[in-house]
C-alpha atoms as a PDB file:
ATOM      1  CA  MET A   1       0.000   0.000   0.000  1.00  0.00           C
ATOM      2  CA  ALA A   2       1.336   3.416  -0.894  1.00  0.00           C
ATOM      3  CA  ASP A   3       1.854   5.966   1.828  1.00  0.00           C
ATOM      4  CA  PRO A   4      -1.128   8.300   2.154  1.00  0.00           C
ATOM      5  CA  GLN A   5      -0.648  11.954   1.423  1.00  0.00           C
ATOM      6  CA  ARG A   6       0.469  13.478   4.691  1.00  0.00           C
ATOM      7  CA  LEU A   7      -1.113  16.657   5.977  1.00  0.00           C
ATOM      8  CA  ALA A   8       1.366  19.529   6.094  1.00  0.00           C
ATOM      9  CA  ARG A   9       2.220  20.768   9.593  1.00  0.00           C
ATOM     10  CA  ALA A  10       0.996  24.279   8.795  1.00  0.00           C
ATOM     11  CA  ASP A  11      -2.369  22.848   7.705  1.00  0.00           C
ATOM     12  CA  PHE A  12      -2.540  20.729  10.861  1.00  0.00           C
ATOM     13  CA  ASP A  13      -1.846  23.797  13.013  1.00  0.00           C
ATOM     14  CA  ALA A  14      -4.618  25.611  11.153  1.00  0.00           C
ATOM     15  CA  LEU A  15      -6.996  22.740  11.968  1.00  0.00           C
ATOM     16  CA  LEU A  16      -6.090  23.042  15.648  1.00  0.00           C
ATOM     17  CA  ARG A  17      -6.796  26.779  15.622  1.00  0.00           C
ATOM     18  CA  ARG A  18     -10.059  26.251  13.748  1.00  0.00           C
ATOM     19  CA  ALA A  19     -11.137  23.718  16.379  1.00  0.00           C
ATOM     20  CA  GLY A  20     -10.325  26.232  19.104  1.00  0.00           C
ATOM     21  CA  LEU A  21      -7.574  24.078  20.618  1.00  0.00           C
ATOM     22  CA  THR A  22      -4.659  25.823  22.252  1.00  0.00           C
ATOM     23  CA  LEU A  23      -1.959  23.259  22.920  1.00  0.00           C
ATOM     24  CA  ASP A  24       1.637  23.659  23.953  1.00  0.00           C
ATOM     25  CA  ARG A  25       4.184  22.673  21.307  1.00  0.00           C
ATOM     26  CA  ALA A  26       4.919  19.244  22.845  1.00  0.00           C
ATOM     27  CA  LYS A  27       1.237  18.252  22.882  1.00  0.00           C
ATOM     28  CA  ALA A  28       0.708  19.574  19.353  1.00  0.00           C
ATOM     29  CA  ASP A  29       3.725  17.551  18.162  1.00  0.00           C
ATOM     30  CA  GLU A  30       2.340  14.422  19.830  1.00  0.00           C
ATOM     31  CA  LEU A  31      -1.092  14.917  18.287  1.00  0.00           C
ATOM     32  CA  PHE A  32       0.440  15.561  14.865  1.00  0.00           C
ATOM     33  CA  GLY A  33       2.254  12.225  15.094  1.00  0.00           C
ATOM     34  CA  ALA A  34      -0.978  10.467  16.003  1.00  0.00           C
ATOM     35  CA  TYR A  35      -2.746  12.172  13.117  1.00  0.00           C
ATOM     36  CA  ALA A  36      -0.264  10.598  10.705  1.00  0.00           C
ATOM     37  CA  SER A  37      -1.285   7.166  12.028  1.00  0.00           C
ATOM     38  CA  LEU A  38      -4.948   8.087  11.602  1.00  0.00           C
ATOM     39  CA  GLU A  39      -4.300   9.041   7.978  1.00  0.00           C
ATOM     40  CA  MET A  40      -2.835   5.574   7.356  1.00  0.00           C
ATOM     41  CA  LEU A  41      -5.899   3.915   8.904  1.00  0.00           C
ATOM     42  CA  LEU A  42      -8.271   6.082   6.871  1.00  0.00           C
ATOM     43  CA  ALA A  43      -6.472   5.084   3.674  1.00  0.00           C
ATOM     44  CA  ARG A  44      -7.391   1.434   4.376  1.00  0.00           C
ATOM     45  CA  ILE A  45     -11.129   2.054   4.722  1.00  0.00           C
ATOM     46  CA  ASN A  46     -13.179   0.717   1.805  1.00  0.00           C
ATOM     47  CA  GLN A  47     -10.163  -0.886   0.161  1.00  0.00           C
ATOM     48  CA  PRO A  48     -10.631  -4.358  -1.296  1.00  0.00           C
ATOM     49  CA  MET A  49      -9.364  -7.039   1.061  1.00  0.00           C
ATOM     50  CA  PRO A  50      -8.323 -10.583   0.150  1.00  0.00           C
ATOM     51  CA  LEU A  51     -10.529 -13.490   1.260  1.00  0.00           C
ATOM     52  CA  GLU A  52      -7.927 -14.607   3.794  1.00  0.00           C
ATOM     53  CA  ALA A  53      -8.542 -11.348   5.681  1.00  0.00           C
ATOM     54  CA  GLU A  54     -12.029 -12.608   6.614  1.00  0.00           C
ATOM     55  CA  PRO A  55     -12.520 -14.076  10.108  1.00  0.00           C
ATOM     56  CA  ALA A  56     -11.958 -17.821  10.360  1.00  0.00           C
ATOM     57  CA  VAL A  57     -14.952 -18.355  12.637  1.00  0.00           C
ATOM     58  CA  ILE A  58     -18.434 -16.971  12.128  1.00  0.00           C
ATOM     59  CA  PHE A  59     -21.054 -17.065  14.896  1.00  0.00           C
ATOM     60  CA  THR A  60     -24.774 -16.982  14.231  1.00  0.00           C
ATOM     61  CA  LEU A  61     -27.521 -15.797  16.550  1.00  0.00           C
ATOM     62  CA  ASP A  62     -28.990 -19.278  16.993  1.00  0.00           C
ATOM     63  CA  GLY A  63     -25.639 -20.729  18.011  1.00  0.00           C
ATOM     64  CA  GLY A  64     -25.472 -23.110  15.070  1.00  0.00           C
ATOM     65  CA  ALA A  65     -22.590 -23.482  12.694  1.00  0.00           C
ATOM     66  CA  ALA A  66     -22.536 -21.046   9.818  1.00  0.00           C
END
């Protein structure tokens, strides 16, 4: 999977201001790092997955085998 396009730090700082968050630099740096991880997770949403990614066991409401 290709790396997602990363949000520029200036744009991230603008998002913080727009949200009304006033964080010290250390907290903003920490949140920016976490945001990069979130971008990677968002890139995986709605992507085709191979069959082997499906769960091995499926439970039904009546308790029977699927």
